[in-house]
C-alpha cells in the first residue's frame, strides 16, 4: 500500500533556522513558528511571513494570539500543554486553528 502525504509540518523556533529557497513544492508545507524565548524581532517574523506568502506556504504561530494578528499569519497552533485557550472566540474569524 502506498500513501501520499498531503502536507508536511515544519516546526521552527527561529526564522533563520529554515531557508525557504530550498523548498520547491508549493502548498505542501506548513510552518509552525514556536519561540519560547521570545527574543526575535517582530519585523523579522513579518518578513518571513511575507516570503512564506510568496512561496504559498502556510504559516502558523504557536500559543500567541497577539503575534498571530500582528504578523497576519494563517492561524494559530494550540499545543496540548496550553490550557489558557479553552474559551477561544476565533471560530468566526478568518484564522484557522490547528493543534
Protein backbone atom coordinates (compact mmCIF):
# COMPACT_ATOMS: atom_id res chain seq x y z
CA UNK A 1 0.00 0.00 0.00
CA UNK A 2 1.31 3.42 -0.93
CA UNK A 3 0.00 6.63 0.64
CA UNK A 4 0.59 10.18 -0.48
CA UNK A 5 1.07 12.77 2.20
CA UNK A 6 -0.93 15.90 1.67
CA UNK A 7 1.01 18.25 3.91
CA UNK A 8 4.34 18.40 5.74
CA UNK A 9 4.64 20.28 9.03
CA UNK A 10 7.88 22.05 9.90
CA UNK A 11 8.25 23.35 13.45
CA UNK A 12 10.84 26.10 13.81
CA UNK A 13 11.98 28.18 16.78
CA UNK A 14 13.76 30.88 14.82
CA UNK A 15 13.09 32.26 11.34
CA UNK A 16 16.78 31.86 10.50
CA UNK A 17 16.57 28.10 11.09
CA UNK A 18 14.93 27.46 7.73
CA UNK A 19 15.91 28.58 4.25
CA UNK A 20 12.74 28.81 2.15
CA UNK A 21 14.74 28.90 -1.09
CA UNK A 22 15.24 25.13 -0.75
CA UNK A 23 11.50 24.42 -0.77
CA UNK A 24 10.40 23.79 -4.36
CA UNK A 25 6.94 22.25 -3.90
CA UNK A 26 4.31 24.84 -3.08
CA UNK A 27 1.17 24.31 -0.97
CA UNK A 28 2.61 21.12 0.55
CA UNK A 29 4.34 22.65 3.58
CA UNK A 30 3.08 24.23 6.77
CA UNK A 31 5.47 26.10 9.03
CA UNK A 32 4.68 26.31 12.73
CA UNK A 33 6.62 29.07 14.48
CA UNK A 34 7.21 28.43 18.15
CA UNK A 35 9.61 30.66 20.03
CA UNK A 36 9.71 30.02 23.75
CA UNK A 37 12.43 32.60 24.40
CA UNK A 38 10.58 35.46 22.70
CA UNK A 39 13.74 37.29 21.70
CA UNK A 40 13.14 37.58 17.95
CA UNK A 41 12.19 40.88 16.35
CA UNK A 42 8.61 41.16 15.06
CA UNK A 43 9.85 42.76 11.83
CA UNK A 44 11.90 39.64 11.06
CA UNK A 45 8.84 37.47 11.60
CA UNK A 46 6.78 39.72 9.31
CA UNK A 47 9.42 39.47 6.56
CA UNK A 48 9.50 35.70 6.95
CA UNK A 49 5.69 35.60 6.77
CA UNK A 50 5.69 37.70 3.59
CA UNK A 51 8.20 35.34 1.99
CA UNK A 52 6.02 32.37 3.03
CA UNK A 53 3.08 34.00 1.30
CA UNK A 54 5.08 34.41 -1.89
CA UNK A 55 6.06 30.73 -1.79
CA UNK A 56 2.45 29.70 -0.89
CA UNK A 57 3.49 28.12 2.40
CA UNK A 58 1.08 28.17 5.35
CA UNK A 59 2.42 29.90 8.46
CA UNK A 60 1.07 29.34 11.97
CA UNK A 61 2.02 30.87 15.33
CA UNK A 62 2.07 28.75 18.49
CA UNK A 63 0.01 29.89 21.52
CA UNK A 64 0.24 33.64 20.88
CA UNK A 65 -2.87 35.39 19.56
CA UNK A 66 -1.33 38.87 19.58
CA UNK A 67 1.63 37.78 17.45
CA UNK A 68 -0.75 35.92 15.15
CA UNK A 69 -2.77 39.08 14.49
CA UNK A 70 0.29 41.35 14.12
CA UNK A 71 2.01 39.07 11.61
CA UNK A 72 -1.24 38.24 9.79
CA UNK A 73 -0.47 34.53 9.88
CA UNK A 74 -2.80 31.84 8.56
CA UNK A 75 -3.82 30.76 12.04
CA UNK A 76 -2.79 29.55 15.45
CA UNK A 77 -1.38 26.25 16.63
CA UNK A 78 -2.58 25.29 20.10
CA UNK A 79 -0.37 22.81 21.89
CA UNK A 80 -1.74 20.20 24.27
CA UNK A 81 0.11 21.73 27.22
CA UNK A 82 -1.66 25.06 26.77
CA UNK A 83 -4.74 25.36 28.98
CA UNK A 84 -5.42 29.09 28.70
CA UNK A 85 -7.31 28.97 25.36
CA UNK A 86 -10.34 26.97 26.46
CA UNK A 87 -12.93 29.60 25.56
CA UNK A 88 -11.40 30.88 22.35
CA UNK A 89 -13.69 33.02 20.18
CA UNK A 90 -11.76 32.63 16.92
CA UNK A 91 -14.27 30.25 15.38
CA UNK A 92 -15.91 33.00 13.30
CA UNK A 93 -12.70 34.69 12.22
CA UNK A 94 -10.60 34.11 9.12
CA UNK A 95 -7.83 32.45 11.14
CA UNK A 96 -7.55 28.67 11.28
CA UNK A 97 -6.94 26.73 14.48
CA UNK A 98 -4.83 23.58 14.48
CA UNK A 99 -3.45 21.60 17.34
